[in-house]
Amino acid sequence: MKSISFRGCGTALVTPFKDGKVDYDAYVRLLQRQTEAGIHFLVPLGTTGETPCLDEQERIKVLEVTKEHCCGRKIIAGGGTNSLVQTIKSIKTLEPYGADAFLIVVPYYNKPTQHGMYEYFKAVADAAGKPVVIYNVPGRTGANMLAETTLRLAEIENIVAVKEASGNYAQISEIIRNAPEGFSVLSGNDDETLSLMATGADGIISVASNVAPKLMTELAEALLDNDIVTARGLHHRLTPLFRNCFVESNPIPAKAALAAMGLINNELRLPLVPASEKTCALMQETVKGLGLL
């Protein structure tokens, strides 16, 4: 049995900025909104958090603030890079500040082979003092981790879950079907939450729950309770949000939605820029349609 498991909905948290600096006051308000909505776990310092554009001290403080305001929720902190040395350094830097596990992405740009992926994640797991969640997102990394590789890695004690964002249902279904006891399979795409959890996935690491944490929590809980009728209704209600959160690169639309709700400034760090006027209008209509304005 694995040392820790993850179920339900976890939010891949945005990092708010104000005048070029991390807006920690806004971040605390976002965290309070998440916990009040009943979110199951929190995922700071991921892609959605623009982590490559945060310096070391900012990453540490974001994690510290998350821990301080998590209200007992488990925290999966992003720690992956495309270098083994730098990934281990990142993990060791962040380990003292409250993460329960680390989210480690398939190395991007390098395009490793399946054998290279296996050896990389095995080395990370051997070095990490806390559990590891592996993350497959070929649309960003340029390399897809096959089910066979994921299942080999799932046998390593310190690798406790996978965030699967390949969009390949057959591949993810094979992982769900053959995963060892205690190994969590988490959807990495909001629009696949229904299909994957209905067939055995344990949860979702969500972008949409930045905007609609209560509805996403309710969707995950309905699926965990095998209440497909309720889950189907929530899925259809949330589908415009799922789609519109990716009309521009994540987290551009999500930040536009949060700004429309008055929760953060619509500010990002280069190379990302704020949403176009068209996308801002679309996200305003989207949150209005969900009753969030």
C-alpha atoms as a PDB file:
ATOM      1  CA  MET A   1       0.000   0.000   0.000  1.00  0.00           C
ATOM      2  CA  LYS A   2       1.263   3.475  -0.863  1.00  0.00           C
ATOM      3  CA  SER A   3       2.040   5.921   1.939  1.00  0.00           C
ATOM      4  CA  ILE A   4      -0.450   8.538   0.723  1.00  0.00           C
ATOM      5  CA  SER A   5      -3.302   8.681  -1.755  1.00  0.00           C
ATOM      6  CA  PHE A   6      -5.179  11.471  -3.478  1.00  0.00           C
ATOM      7  CA  ARG A   7      -8.907  11.464  -4.246  1.00  0.00           C
ATOM      8  CA  GLY A   8     -11.402  14.051  -5.386  1.00  0.00           C
ATOM      9  CA  CYS A   9     -10.656  17.481  -6.813  1.00  0.00           C
ATOM     10  CA  GLY A  10      -7.389  19.335  -6.367  1.00  0.00           C
ATOM     11  CA  THR A  11      -6.869  22.821  -7.753  1.00  0.00           C
ATOM     12  CA  ALA A  12      -3.836  23.645  -9.891  1.00  0.00           C
ATOM     13  CA  LEU A  13      -3.561  27.091  -8.348  1.00  0.00           C
ATOM     14  CA  VAL A  14      -2.861  30.277 -10.279  1.00  0.00           C
ATOM     15  CA  THR A  15      -0.256  32.686  -8.888  1.00  0.00           C
ATOM     16  CA  PRO A  16      -1.684  36.219  -8.766  1.00  0.00           C
ATOM     17  CA  PHE A  17       0.588  39.186  -9.531  1.00  0.00           C
ATOM     18  CA  LYS A  18       0.341  42.891  -8.806  1.00  0.00           C
ATOM     19  CA  ASP A  19       2.731  45.433 -10.312  1.00  0.00           C
ATOM     20  CA  GLY A  20       5.160  42.661 -11.240  1.00  0.00           C
ATOM     21  CA  LYS A  21       5.268  41.033  -7.795  1.00  0.00           C
ATOM     22  CA  VAL A  22       3.429  38.038  -6.376  1.00  0.00           C
ATOM     23  CA  ASP A  23       0.215  39.303  -4.780  1.00  0.00           C
ATOM     24  CA  TYR A  24       0.204  37.218  -1.607  1.00  0.00           C
ATOM     25  CA  ASP A  25      -2.889  38.958  -0.203  1.00  0.00           C
ATOM     26  CA  ALA A  26      -4.889  37.941  -3.273  1.00  0.00           C
ATOM     27  CA  TYR A  27      -3.388  34.455  -3.084  1.00  0.00           C
ATOM     28  CA  VAL A  28      -4.613  34.046   0.500  1.00  0.00           C
ATOM     29  CA  ARG A  29      -8.094  35.080  -0.597  1.00  0.00           C
ATOM     30  CA  LEU A  30      -7.994  32.492  -3.367  1.00  0.00           C
ATOM     31  CA  LEU A  31      -6.927  29.806  -0.883  1.00  0.00           C
ATOM     32  CA  GLN A  32      -9.731  30.735   1.498  1.00  0.00           C
ATOM     33  CA  ARG A  33     -12.208  30.505  -1.357  1.00  0.00           C
ATOM     34  CA  GLN A  34     -10.886  27.045  -2.215  1.00  0.00           C
ATOM     35  CA  THR A  35     -11.106  25.659   1.309  1.00  0.00           C
ATOM     36  CA  GLU A  36     -14.537  27.187   1.909  1.00  0.00           C
ATOM     37  CA  ALA A  37     -15.718  25.410  -1.244  1.00  0.00           C
ATOM     38  CA  GLY A  38     -14.570  22.080   0.216  1.00  0.00           C
ATOM     39  CA  ILE A  39     -11.722  21.419  -2.213  1.00  0.00           C
ATOM     40  CA  HIS A  40     -10.004  18.113  -1.454  1.00  0.00           C
ATOM     41  CA  PHE A  41      -6.341  19.028  -2.020  1.00  0.00           C
ATOM     42  CA  LEU A  42      -4.219  21.879  -3.380  1.00  0.00           C
ATOM     43  CA  VAL A  43      -1.599  21.977  -6.136  1.00  0.00           C
ATOM     44  CA  PRO A  44       0.580  25.120  -6.058  1.00  0.00           C
ATOM     45  CA  LEU A  45       3.638  25.738  -8.224  1.00  0.00           C
ATOM     46  CA  GLY A  46       2.435  23.870 -11.288  1.00  0.00           C
ATOM     47  CA  THR A  47       2.083  25.002 -14.891  1.00  0.00           C
ATOM     48  CA  THR A  48      -1.062  26.956 -14.003  1.00  0.00           C
ATOM     49  CA  GLY A  49       0.961  28.814 -11.363  1.00  0.00           C
ATOM     50  CA  GLU A  50       3.476  30.098 -13.957  1.00  0.00           C
ATOM     51  CA  THR A  51       6.170  28.467 -11.840  1.00  0.00           C
ATOM     52  CA  PRO A  52       8.994  28.726 -14.431  1.00  0.00           C
ATOM     53  CA  CYS A  53       8.658  32.496 -14.003  1.00  0.00           C
ATOM     54  CA  LEU A  54       8.905  32.442 -10.191  1.00  0.00           C
ATOM     55  CA  ASP A  55      12.265  32.772  -8.493  1.00  0.00           C
ATOM     56  CA  GLU A  56      13.336  30.468  -5.659  1.00  0.00           C
ATOM     57  CA  GLN A  57      12.232  32.749  -2.825  1.00  0.00           C
ATOM     58  CA  GLU A  58       8.836  33.284  -4.451  1.00  0.00           C
ATOM     59  CA  ARG A  59       8.348  29.529  -4.816  1.00  0.00           C
ATOM     60  CA  ILE A  60       9.228  28.994  -1.165  1.00  0.00           C
ATOM     61  CA  LYS A  61       6.851  31.710   0.034  1.00  0.00           C
ATOM     62  CA  VAL A  62       3.992  30.510  -2.201  1.00  0.00           C
ATOM     63  CA  LEU A  63       4.358  27.056  -0.661  1.00  0.00           C
ATOM     64  CA  GLU A  64       4.617  28.475   2.877  1.00  0.00           C
ATOM     65  CA  VAL A  65       1.451  30.543   2.383  1.00  0.00           C
ATOM     66  CA  THR A  66      -0.362  27.545   0.897  1.00  0.00           C
ATOM     67  CA  LYS A  67       0.541  25.447   3.932  1.00  0.00           C
ATOM     68  CA  GLU A  68      -0.509  28.187   6.331  1.00  0.00           C
ATOM     69  CA  HIS A  69      -3.951  28.522   4.738  1.00  0.00           C
ATOM     70  CA  CYS A  70      -4.669  24.977   3.511  1.00  0.00           C
ATOM     71  CA  CYS A  71      -6.949  24.143   6.463  1.00  0.00           C
ATOM     72  CA  GLY A  72      -5.538  20.639   6.654  1.00  0.00           C
ATOM     73  CA  ARG A  73      -5.754  19.865   2.946  1.00  0.00           C
ATOM     74  CA  LYS A  74      -2.976  17.835   1.377  1.00  0.00           C
ATOM     75  CA  ILE A  75      -0.592  19.776  -0.824  1.00  0.00           C
ATOM     76  CA  ILE A  76       1.077  18.548  -4.008  1.00  0.00           C
ATOM     77  CA  ALA A  77       3.765  21.080  -4.930  1.00  0.00           C
ATOM     78  CA  GLY A  78       5.185  21.332  -8.424  1.00  0.00           C
ATOM     79  CA  GLY A  79       8.897  20.602  -8.455  1.00  0.00           C
ATOM     80  CA  GLY A  80       9.747  19.272 -11.901  1.00  0.00           C
ATOM     81  CA  THR A  81      12.180  20.614 -14.478  1.00  0.00           C
ATOM     82  CA  ASN A  82      13.808  19.014 -17.531  1.00  0.00           C
ATOM     83  CA  SER A  83      17.046  18.335 -15.636  1.00  0.00           C
ATOM     84  CA  LEU A  84      17.468  15.629 -13.009  1.00  0.00           C
ATOM     85  CA  VAL A  85      19.957  17.740 -11.045  1.00  0.00           C
ATOM     86  CA  GLN A  86      17.677  20.780 -11.053  1.00  0.00           C
ATOM     87  CA  THR A  87      14.575  18.742 -10.183  1.00  0.00           C
ATOM     88  CA  ILE A  88      16.280  17.197  -7.178  1.00  0.00           C
ATOM     89  CA  LYS A  89      17.560  20.630  -6.169  1.00  0.00           C
ATOM     90  CA  SER A  90      14.027  22.030  -6.455  1.00  0.00           C
ATOM     91  CA  ILE A  91      12.599  19.244  -4.306  1.00  0.00           C
ATOM     92  CA  LYS A  92      15.286  19.629  -1.643  1.00  0.00           C
ATOM     93  CA  THR A  93      14.735  23.398  -1.576  1.00  0.00           C
ATOM     94  CA  LEU A  94      10.971  23.053  -1.098  1.00  0.00           C
ATOM     95  CA  GLU A  95      10.837  19.969   1.147  1.00  0.00           C
ATOM     96  CA  PRO A  96      10.923  21.888   4.461  1.00  0.00           C
ATOM     97  CA  TYR A  97       7.957  24.118   3.593  1.00  0.00           C
ATOM     98  CA  GLY A  98       4.911  21.922   3.853  1.00  0.00           C
ATOM     99  CA  ALA A  99       4.291  19.869   0.727  1.00  0.00           C
ATOM    100  CA  ASP A 100       2.881  16.376   1.230  1.00  0.00           C
ATOM    101  CA  ALA A 101       4.057  15.286  -2.234  1.00  0.00           C
ATOM    102  CA  PHE A 102       5.767  16.682  -5.326  1.00  0.00           C
ATOM    103  CA  LEU A 103       4.340  16.859  -8.827  1.00  0.00           C
ATOM    104  CA  ILE A 104       7.096  16.002 -11.323  1.00  0.00           C
ATOM    105  CA  VAL A 105       6.457  16.448 -15.016  1.00  0.00           C
ATOM    106  CA  VAL A 106       7.889  14.358 -17.845  1.00  0.00           C
ATOM    107  CA  PRO A 107      11.022  16.317 -18.841  1.00  0.00           C
ATOM    108  CA  TYR A 108      10.024  18.862 -21.461  1.00  0.00           C
ATOM    109  CA  TYR A 109      12.013  19.782 -24.576  1.00  0.00           C
ATOM    110  CA  ASN A 110      14.459  16.870 -24.100  1.00  0.00           C
ATOM    111  CA  LYS A 111      11.956  14.330 -25.561  1.00  0.00           C
ATOM    112  CA  PRO A 112      13.277  11.343 -23.568  1.00  0.00           C
ATOM    113  CA  THR A 113      12.628   7.730 -24.548  1.00  0.00           C
ATOM    114  CA  GLN A 114      10.410   5.526 -22.399  1.00  0.00           C
ATOM    115  CA  HIS A 115      13.509   4.024 -20.800  1.00  0.00           C
ATOM    116  CA  GLY A 116      14.832   7.513 -20.115  1.00  0.00           C
ATOM    117  CA  MET A 117      11.549   8.529 -18.490  1.00  0.00           C
ATOM    118  CA  TYR A 118      11.610   5.462 -16.266  1.00  0.00           C
ATOM    119  CA  GLU A 119      15.191   6.024 -15.124  1.00  0.00           C
ATOM    120  CA  TYR A 120      14.551   9.746 -14.564  1.00  0.00           C
ATOM    121  CA  PHE A 121      11.492   9.241 -12.370  1.00  0.00           C
ATOM    122  CA  LYS A 122      13.138   6.369 -10.513  1.00  0.00           C
ATOM    123  CA  ALA A 123      16.119   8.612  -9.713  1.00  0.00           C
ATOM    124  CA  VAL A 124      13.788  11.415  -8.574  1.00  0.00           C
ATOM    125  CA  ALA A 125      11.835   9.019  -6.339  1.00  0.00           C
ATOM    126  CA  ASP A 126      15.060   7.657  -4.843  1.00  0.00           C
ATOM    127  CA  ALA A 127      16.246  11.180  -4.017  1.00  0.00           C
ATOM    128  CA  ALA A 128      12.977  12.659  -2.787  1.00  0.00           C
ATOM    129  CA  GLY A 129      12.177  12.625   0.899  1.00  0.00           C
ATOM    130  CA  LYS A 130       8.449  12.845   0.125  1.00  0.00           C
ATOM    131  CA  PRO A 131       6.095  11.033  -2.260  1.00  0.00           C
ATOM    132  CA  VAL A 132       6.159  11.780  -5.967  1.00  0.00           C
ATOM    133  CA  VAL A 133       3.228  12.304  -8.351  1.00  0.00           C
ATOM    134  CA  ILE A 134       4.313  11.820 -11.956  1.00  0.00           C
ATOM    135  CA  TYR A 135       2.766  14.072 -14.590  1.00  0.00           C
ATOM    136  CA  ASN A 136       2.219  13.199 -18.233  1.00  0.00           C
ATOM    137  CA  VAL A 137       1.282  16.167 -20.438  1.00  0.00           C
ATOM    138  CA  PRO A 138       2.651  15.570 -23.947  1.00  0.00           C
ATOM    139  CA  GLY A 139       1.000  18.707 -25.315  1.00  0.00           C
ATOM    140  CA  ARG A 140       3.476  20.728 -23.260  1.00  0.00           C
ATOM    141  CA  THR A 141       6.468  18.395 -23.009  1.00  0.00           C
ATOM    142  CA  GLY A 142       6.637  16.966 -26.527  1.00  0.00           C
ATOM    143  CA  ALA A 143       6.854  13.382 -25.226  1.00  0.00           C
ATOM    144  CA  ASN A 144       4.091  10.974 -24.180  1.00  0.00           C
ATOM    145  CA  MET A 145       4.692   8.553 -21.313  1.00  0.00           C
ATOM    146  CA  LEU A 146       3.075   5.257 -22.283  1.00  0.00           C
ATOM    147  CA  ALA A 147       0.867   3.246 -19.939  1.00  0.00           C
ATOM    148  CA  GLU A 148       3.525   0.539 -19.693  1.00  0.00           C
ATOM    149  CA  THR A 149       6.059   3.052 -18.368  1.00  0.00           C
ATOM    150  CA  THR A 150       3.591   4.588 -15.912  1.00  0.00           C
ATOM    151  CA  LEU A 151       2.668   1.152 -14.571  1.00  0.00           C
ATOM    152  CA  ARG A 152       6.340   0.224 -14.116  1.00  0.00           C
ATOM    153  CA  LEU A 153       6.849   3.416 -12.162  1.00  0.00           C
ATOM    154  CA  ALA A 154       3.710   2.752 -10.112  1.00  0.00           C
ATOM    155  CA  GLU A 155       5.485  -0.243  -8.572  1.00  0.00           C
ATOM    156  CA  ILE A 156       8.035   2.090  -6.932  1.00  0.00           C
ATOM    157  CA  GLU A 157       6.950   2.722  -3.351  1.00  0.00           C
ATOM    158  CA  ASN A 158       7.597   6.450  -3.343  1.00  0.00           C
ATOM    159  CA  ILE A 159       5.676   7.092  -6.595  1.00  0.00           C
ATOM    160  CA  VAL A 160       2.086   7.394  -5.407  1.00  0.00           C
ATOM    161  CA  ALA A 161       0.042   8.833  -8.279  1.00  0.00           C
ATOM    162  CA  VAL A 162      -0.054   9.991 -11.867  1.00  0.00           C
ATOM    163  CA  LYS A 163      -1.614  13.138 -13.269  1.00  0.00           C
ATOM    164  CA  GLU A 164      -2.563  12.031 -16.782  1.00  0.00           C
ATOM    165  CA  ALA A 165      -3.181  14.774 -19.332  1.00  0.00           C
ATOM    166  CA  SER A 166      -2.418  12.888 -22.537  1.00  0.00           C
ATOM    167  CA  GLY A 167      -6.066  12.961 -23.594  1.00  0.00           C
ATOM    168  CA  ASN A 168      -5.663   9.337 -24.677  1.00  0.00           C
ATOM    169  CA  TYR A 169      -8.572   7.510 -23.037  1.00  0.00           C
ATOM    170  CA  ALA A 170      -7.362   4.029 -23.998  1.00  0.00           C
ATOM    171  CA  GLN A 171      -3.944   4.732 -22.485  1.00  0.00           C
ATOM    172  CA  ILE A 172      -5.364   6.143 -19.254  1.00  0.00           C
ATOM    173  CA  SER A 173      -7.918   3.346 -19.001  1.00  0.00           C
ATOM    174  CA  GLU A 174      -5.094   0.803 -19.142  1.00  0.00           C
ATOM    175  CA  ILE A 175      -3.370   2.586 -16.255  1.00  0.00           C
ATOM    176  CA  ILE A 176      -6.603   2.633 -14.209  1.00  0.00           C
ATOM    177  CA  ARG A 177      -7.239  -1.045 -14.914  1.00  0.00           C
ATOM    178  CA  ASN A 178      -3.760  -2.234 -13.967  1.00  0.00           C
ATOM    179  CA  ALA A 179      -2.621   0.228 -11.292  1.00  0.00           C
ATOM    180  CA  PRO A 180      -1.415  -1.323  -8.025  1.00  0.00           C
ATOM    181  CA  GLU A 181      -3.365  -0.836  -4.828  1.00  0.00           C
ATOM    182  CA  GLY A 182      -3.034   2.662  -3.422  1.00  0.00           C
ATOM    183  CA  PHE A 183      -1.720   4.240  -6.630  1.00  0.00           C
ATOM    184  CA  SER A 184      -3.945   7.221  -7.518  1.00  0.00           C
ATOM    185  CA  VAL A 185      -4.852   8.009 -11.111  1.00  0.00           C
ATOM    186  CA  LEU A 186      -5.778  11.672 -11.515  1.00  0.00           C
ATOM    187  CA  SER A 187      -7.180  13.298 -14.621  1.00  0.00           C
ATOM    188  CA  GLY A 188      -5.165  16.254 -15.872  1.00  0.00           C
ATOM    189  CA  ASN A 189      -7.938  17.545 -18.138  1.00  0.00           C
ATOM    190  CA  ASP A 190     -11.139  19.011 -16.704  1.00  0.00           C
ATOM    191  CA  ASP A 191     -13.294  17.873 -19.603  1.00  0.00           C
ATOM    192  CA  GLU A 192     -12.250  14.237 -19.005  1.00  0.00           C
ATOM    193  CA  THR A 193     -13.193  14.205 -15.313  1.00  0.00           C
ATOM    194  CA  LEU A 194     -16.541  12.521 -15.928  1.00  0.00           C
ATOM    195  CA  SER A 195     -15.310   9.841 -18.309  1.00  0.00           C
ATOM    196  CA  LEU A 196     -12.180   8.969 -16.330  1.00  0.00           C
ATOM    197  CA  MET A 197     -13.635   9.004 -12.820  1.00  0.00           C
ATOM    198  CA  ALA A 198     -16.717   7.109 -13.991  1.00  0.00           C
ATOM    199  CA  THR A 199     -14.364   4.328 -15.089  1.00  0.00           C
ATOM    200  CA  GLY A 200     -12.190   4.269 -11.989  1.00  0.00           C
ATOM    201  CA  ALA A 201      -9.890   7.291 -11.822  1.00  0.00           C
ATOM    202  CA  ASP A 202      -9.500   8.731  -8.339  1.00  0.00           C
ATOM    203  CA  GLY A 203      -9.838  12.416  -9.087  1.00  0.00           C
ATOM    204  CA  ILE A 204      -8.858  15.498 -11.035  1.00  0.00           C
ATOM    205  CA  ILE A 205      -6.149  18.139 -10.795  1.00  0.00           C
ATOM    206  CA  SER A 206      -8.217  20.992 -12.132  1.00  0.00           C
ATOM    207  CA  VAL A 207      -7.713  24.370 -13.778  1.00  0.00           C
ATOM    208  CA  ALA A 208     -11.456  25.093 -13.828  1.00  0.00           C
ATOM    209  CA  SER A 209     -11.671  24.811 -10.042  1.00  0.00           C
ATOM    210  CA  ASN A 210      -9.716  28.062  -9.763  1.00  0.00           C
ATOM    211  CA  VAL A 211     -12.882  29.655 -11.116  1.00  0.00           C
ATOM    212  CA  ALA A 212     -15.597  27.299  -9.853  1.00  0.00           C
ATOM    213  CA  PRO A 213     -14.204  25.353  -6.881  1.00  0.00           C
ATOM    214  CA  LYS A 214     -17.558  24.452  -5.351  1.00  0.00           C
ATOM    215  CA  LEU A 215     -18.997  23.072  -8.589  1.00  0.00           C
ATOM    216  CA  MET A 216     -15.838  21.095  -9.353  1.00  0.00           C
ATOM    217  CA  THR A 217     -15.790  19.685  -5.829  1.00  0.00           C
ATOM    218  CA  GLU A 218     -19.417  18.655  -6.201  1.00  0.00           C
ATOM    219  CA  LEU A 219     -18.626  16.979  -9.541  1.00  0.00           C
ATOM    220  CA  ALA A 220     -15.768  14.974  -8.049  1.00  0.00           C
ATOM    221  CA  GLU A 221     -17.809  13.979  -5.007  1.00  0.00           C
ATOM    222  CA  ALA A 222     -20.749  12.874  -7.138  1.00  0.00           C
ATOM    223  CA  LEU A 223     -18.402  10.654  -9.151  1.00  0.00           C
ATOM    224  CA  LEU A 224     -16.766   9.219  -6.033  1.00  0.00           C
ATOM    225  CA  ASP A 225     -20.296   8.401  -4.808  1.00  0.00           C
ATOM    226  CA  ASN A 226     -21.197   6.810  -8.185  1.00  0.00           C
ATOM    227  CA  ASP A 227     -23.976   9.380  -8.615  1.00  0.00           C
ATOM    228  CA  ILE A 228     -23.750   9.557 -12.382  1.00  0.00           C
ATOM    229  CA  VAL A 229     -26.980  11.510 -12.856  1.00  0.00           C
ATOM    230  CA  THR A 230     -25.749  14.399 -10.687  1.00  0.00           C
ATOM    231  CA  ALA A 231     -22.253  14.192 -12.181  1.00  0.00           C
ATOM    232  CA  ARG A 232     -23.592  14.293 -15.726  1.00  0.00           C
ATOM    233  CA  GLY A 233     -25.623  17.414 -14.984  1.00  0.00           C
ATOM    234  CA  LEU A 234     -22.617  19.171 -13.426  1.00  0.00           C
ATOM    235  CA  HIS A 235     -20.400  18.114 -16.324  1.00  0.00           C
ATOM    236  CA  HIS A 236     -22.736  19.668 -18.873  1.00  0.00           C
ATOM    237  CA  ARG A 237     -23.111  22.818 -16.780  1.00  0.00           C
ATOM    238  CA  LEU A 238     -19.329  23.186 -16.510  1.00  0.00           C
ATOM    239  CA  THR A 239     -18.469  22.237 -20.100  1.00  0.00           C
ATOM    240  CA  PRO A 240     -18.301  25.856 -21.360  1.00  0.00           C
ATOM    241  CA  LEU A 241     -15.826  26.656 -18.581  1.00  0.00           C
ATOM    242  CA  PHE A 242     -13.759  23.565 -19.399  1.00  0.00           C
ATOM    243  CA  ARG A 243     -13.574  24.589 -23.038  1.00  0.00           C
ATOM    244  CA  ASN A 244     -13.045  28.305 -22.540  1.00  0.00           C
ATOM    245  CA  CYS A 245     -10.231  27.919 -20.007  1.00  0.00           C
ATOM    246  CA  PHE A 246      -8.092  26.779 -22.952  1.00  0.00           C
ATOM    247  CA  VAL A 247      -9.035  29.175 -25.752  1.00  0.00           C
ATOM    248  CA  GLU A 248      -5.638  30.741 -25.023  1.00  0.00           C
ATOM    249  CA  SER A 249      -2.679  29.197 -23.213  1.00  0.00           C
ATOM    250  CA  ASN A 250      -3.399  28.219 -19.618  1.00  0.00           C
ATOM    251  CA  PRO A 251      -3.624  30.145 -17.252  1.00  0.00           C
ATOM    252  CA  ILE A 252      -4.455  33.179 -19.404  1.00  0.00           C
ATOM    253  CA  PRO A 253      -8.246  32.551 -19.601  1.00  0.00           C
ATOM    254  CA  ALA A 254      -8.515  31.409 -15.960  1.00  0.00           C
ATOM    255  CA  LYS A 255      -6.852  34.610 -14.804  1.00  0.00           C
ATOM    256  CA  ALA A 256      -9.190  36.634 -17.008  1.00  0.00           C
ATOM    257  CA  ALA A 257     -12.150  34.906 -15.355  1.00  0.00           C
ATOM    258  CA  LEU A 258     -10.800  35.517 -11.839  1.00  0.00           C
ATOM    259  CA  ALA A 259     -10.155  39.155 -12.728  1.00  0.00           C
ATOM    260  CA  ALA A 260     -13.714  39.506 -14.034  1.00  0.00           C
ATOM    261  CA  MET A 261     -14.868  38.241 -10.639  1.00  0.00           C
ATOM    262  CA  GLY A 262     -12.735  40.873  -8.891  1.00  0.00           C
ATOM    263  CA  LEU A 263     -10.499  38.301  -7.213  1.00  0.00           C
ATOM    264  CA  ILE A 264      -7.116  39.127  -8.804  1.00  0.00           C
ATOM    265  CA  ASN A 265      -5.461  41.538 -11.208  1.00  0.00           C
ATOM    266  CA  ASN A 266      -5.385  40.301 -14.781  1.00  0.00           C
ATOM    267  CA  GLU A 267      -1.590  40.159 -14.768  1.00  0.00           C
ATOM    268  CA  LEU A 268       0.836  37.491 -15.972  1.00  0.00           C
ATOM    269  CA  ARG A 269       4.588  37.237 -16.443  1.00  0.00           C
ATOM    270  CA  LEU A 270       6.221  37.148 -19.826  1.00  0.00           C
ATOM    271  CA  PRO A 271       6.259  35.208 -22.038  1.00  0.00           C
ATOM    272  CA  LEU A 272       2.543  35.013 -21.121  1.00  0.00           C
ATOM    273  CA  VAL A 273       0.409  38.112 -21.597  1.00  0.00           C
ATOM    274  CA  PRO A 274      -3.141  38.956 -20.443  1.00  0.00           C
ATOM    275  CA  ALA A 275      -6.061  37.646 -22.415  1.00  0.00           C
ATOM    276  CA  SER A 276      -7.308  39.411 -25.533  1.00  0.00           C
ATOM    277  CA  GLU A 277     -10.420  41.555 -25.272  1.00  0.00           C
ATOM    278  CA  LYS A 278     -12.374  38.782 -26.975  1.00  0.00           C
ATOM    279  CA  THR A 279     -11.247  36.198 -24.423  1.00  0.00           C
ATOM    280  CA  CYS A 280     -11.895  38.570 -21.500  1.00  0.00           C
ATOM    281  CA  ALA A 281     -15.462  39.056 -22.742  1.00  0.00           C
ATOM    282  CA  LEU A 282     -15.861  35.304 -23.235  1.00  0.00           C
ATOM    283  CA  MET A 283     -14.676  34.517 -19.699  1.00  0.00           C
ATOM    284  CA  GLN A 284     -16.927  37.168 -18.221  1.00  0.00           C
ATOM    285  CA  GLU A 285     -19.886  35.577 -19.980  1.00  0.00           C
ATOM    286  CA  THR A 286     -18.746  32.137 -18.864  1.00  0.00           C
ATOM    287  CA  VAL A 287     -18.598  32.987 -15.162  1.00  0.00           C
ATOM    288  CA  LYS A 288     -21.872  34.919 -15.471  1.00  0.00           C
ATOM    289  CA  GLY A 289     -23.479  31.812 -16.962  1.00  0.00           C
ATOM    290  CA  LEU A 290     -22.328  29.810 -13.940  1.00  0.00           C
ATOM    291  CA  GLY A 291     -23.849  32.336 -11.558  1.00  0.00           C
ATOM    292  CA  LEU A 292     -20.450  33.460 -10.294  1.00  0.00           C
ATOM    293  CA  LEU A 293     -20.929  37.180 -11.039  1.00  0.00           C
END
